[in-house]
Each structure stands twice: as C-alpha cells, then as structure tokens.
Amino acid sequence: QAQLVESGGGSAHPGGSLRFSCAASGTISSINFMAWSRQAPGEELRFVASINRVGTTTYGDSVKGRFTVSGDSTLNTVNLEMSSLKAEDAAVYYCNAGILVPTTWGQKLNIYWGQGTQVTVSS
C-alpha cells in the first residue's frame, strides 16, 4: 500500500506566500498524477491544481497565476507554491494521487489522499 503525507501550509497575511509538499511512500509502481484540492468551511471540495507524470499542470480558475505546482518525473514529492494569497484561499488543503501499486496479478490504480492541512489567511 501507499500513503501520502502533507507538510507545510500554515498561516499567512493577505498577499503573502505559503508552500506545501506532498510526499508519497510505500509500495509504489508509479504515480500517474498528484493533485491538490481544498475545502473551506461550509463549502464543497474544490480542485486547486494537478500535475501528471509528463509534467502537464492544470489549475483551478481561482488560483491561476498565483499558485504553482511542481514535481520531478517520479512525482514522489510534489510541491504547491501559493503566492498573492487571498482570504478566500483559507481552507483545508488535501493532496491526492493516482498511484499504481503492484498486486499478485499485475498492477492496480488506486486513489490516495493526504491527511489535510489547514491554511489560514488573515491580516
């Protein structure tokens, strides 16, 4: 089995910056993608950004131009750089990944989630 562990995040002032990392570990054949989502109180989970194994990145409209997702070709560790933070960026952030894990008969694609990390943006 695999697992994802998030680190970073925390608190910032409006206009400030924060950085997240998400590290995958365990028995992994390969990682197809890693993504970030967030959930503010009383709201649904929303897509933030993603990166796939060939380096293609995708961003939610609300974070385009402010957030940057990066990782090497293995995607074992992926970073989310957040800048020009706004109050509406405050939420619990989750990384998730599509990971191929070995089975007795081949491989299986599973989706894994990190533990979630609170981001606070306030003056």
Protein backbone atom coordinates (compact mmCIF):
# COMPACT_ATOMS: atom_id res chain seq x y z
CA GLN A 1 0.00 0.00 0.00
CA ALA A 2 0.96 3.62 -0.47
CA GLN A 3 0.40 6.69 1.60
CA LEU A 4 0.61 10.45 1.15
CA VAL A 5 1.98 12.79 3.77
CA GLU A 6 1.50 16.54 3.52
CA SER A 7 3.80 19.12 5.03
CA GLY A 8 3.94 22.88 5.04
CA GLY A 9 0.99 25.24 4.84
CA GLY A 10 0.02 27.19 7.95
CA SER A 11 -0.85 30.89 8.23
CA ALA A 12 -0.11 33.93 6.10
CA HIS A 13 -1.25 37.51 5.63
CA PRO A 14 -3.15 38.54 2.53
CA GLY A 15 -0.64 38.93 -0.26
CA GLY A 16 1.74 36.52 1.39
CA SER A 17 3.04 33.12 0.35
CA LEU A 18 2.96 29.57 1.60
CA ARG A 19 4.38 26.31 0.39
CA PHE A 20 3.06 22.76 0.61
CA SER A 21 4.72 19.46 -0.10
CA CYS A 22 3.10 16.08 -0.57
CA ALA A 23 5.28 13.01 -0.35
CA ALA A 24 4.30 9.53 -1.44
CA SER A 25 5.74 6.44 0.16
CA GLY A 26 5.09 2.73 0.36
CA THR A 27 4.93 0.04 -2.27
CA ILE A 28 4.53 2.02 -5.48
CA SER A 29 4.96 1.00 -9.09
CA SER A 30 4.44 4.53 -10.42
CA ILE A 31 2.45 7.68 -9.79
CA ASN A 32 0.17 8.84 -12.59
CA PHE A 33 -0.75 12.21 -11.13
CA MET A 34 -0.79 14.29 -7.99
CA ALA A 35 -3.38 16.93 -7.28
CA TRP A 36 -4.44 19.41 -4.66
CA SER A 37 -7.96 20.17 -3.58
CA ARG A 38 -9.31 22.40 -0.83
CA GLN A 39 -12.40 22.68 1.28
CA ALA A 40 -13.48 25.82 3.09
CA PRO A 41 -16.00 25.64 5.95
CA GLY A 42 -19.49 25.03 4.63
CA GLU A 43 -18.28 24.57 1.07
CA GLU A 44 -17.69 21.59 -1.16
CA LEU A 45 -14.29 20.20 -2.00
CA ARG A 46 -12.78 22.16 -4.90
CA PHE A 47 -9.96 21.40 -7.31
CA VAL A 48 -6.84 23.54 -6.95
CA ALA A 49 -4.06 22.15 -9.12
CA SER A 50 -2.61 18.96 -10.55
CA ILE A 51 0.48 17.62 -12.26
CA ASN A 52 0.89 14.39 -14.18
CA ARG A 53 3.87 12.17 -14.85
CA VAL A 54 4.79 14.01 -18.05
CA GLY A 55 4.76 17.34 -16.25
CA THR A 56 1.46 18.71 -17.52
CA THR A 57 -0.06 21.06 -14.95
CA THR A 58 -3.65 22.19 -14.54
CA TYR A 59 -5.04 24.88 -12.27
CA GLY A 60 -8.41 25.91 -10.95
CA ASP A 61 -9.57 29.28 -12.24
CA SER A 62 -9.38 30.90 -8.81
CA VAL A 63 -5.66 30.14 -8.39
CA LYS A 64 -4.30 30.56 -11.92
CA GLY A 65 -1.29 32.85 -11.97
CA ARG A 66 -0.88 32.69 -8.19
CA PHE A 67 -0.25 29.01 -7.41
CA THR A 68 2.41 26.78 -8.95
CA VAL A 69 2.55 23.00 -8.71
CA SER A 70 5.83 21.24 -9.41
CA GLY A 71 7.45 17.85 -9.09
CA ASP A 72 10.04 15.64 -10.70
CA SER A 73 9.23 12.89 -13.18
CA THR A 74 8.59 10.33 -10.46
CA LEU A 75 6.09 12.59 -8.65
CA ASN A 76 7.23 11.04 -5.40
CA THR A 77 7.22 14.54 -3.93
CA VAL A 78 5.12 17.36 -5.31
CA ASN A 79 5.17 20.96 -4.17
CA LEU A 80 2.46 23.60 -4.25
CA GLU A 81 3.73 27.16 -4.11
CA MET A 82 0.98 29.62 -3.16
CA SER A 83 1.53 33.35 -3.59
CA SER A 84 -0.59 36.50 -3.55
CA LEU A 85 -2.78 34.76 -1.02
CA LYS A 86 -6.31 35.99 -0.50
CA ALA A 87 -8.71 35.49 2.37
CA GLU A 88 -10.75 33.17 0.18
CA ASP A 89 -7.75 30.81 -0.12
CA ALA A 90 -8.23 29.81 3.52
CA ALA A 91 -9.30 26.18 3.63
CA VAL A 92 -8.16 22.69 4.45
CA TYR A 93 -5.91 21.56 1.62
CA TYR A 94 -5.67 17.93 0.58
CA CYS A 95 -3.25 16.29 -1.80
CA ASN A 96 -4.37 13.22 -3.67
CA ALA A 97 -2.67 10.96 -6.14
CA GLY A 98 -3.38 8.24 -8.64
CA ILE A 99 -0.86 5.55 -7.78
CA LEU A 100 -0.20 2.24 -9.46
CA VAL A 101 0.51 -0.40 -6.84
CA PRO A 102 1.69 -3.93 -7.51
CA THR A 103 -0.70 -6.81 -6.96
CA THR A 104 -0.26 -10.55 -7.21
CA TRP A 105 -1.60 -10.43 -10.75
CA GLY A 106 -0.18 -7.17 -12.02
CA GLN A 107 -0.92 -3.57 -11.07
CA LYS A 108 -3.88 -1.64 -9.78
CA LEU A 109 -4.60 2.08 -9.90
CA ASN A 110 -5.68 3.41 -6.52
CA ILE A 111 -6.50 6.94 -5.43
CA TYR A 112 -4.87 8.04 -2.21
CA TRP A 113 -5.45 11.13 -0.08
CA GLY A 114 -3.26 13.06 2.29
CA GLN A 115 -4.30 13.93 5.81
CA GLY A 116 -5.34 17.51 5.05
CA THR A 117 -3.63 20.70 6.19
CA GLN A 118 -5.24 23.92 7.33
CA VAL A 119 -4.33 27.18 5.60
CA THR A 120 -5.31 30.42 7.29
CA VAL A 121 -5.12 33.79 5.55
CA SER A 122 -5.82 36.79 7.73
CA SER A 123 -4.49 40.21 8.48
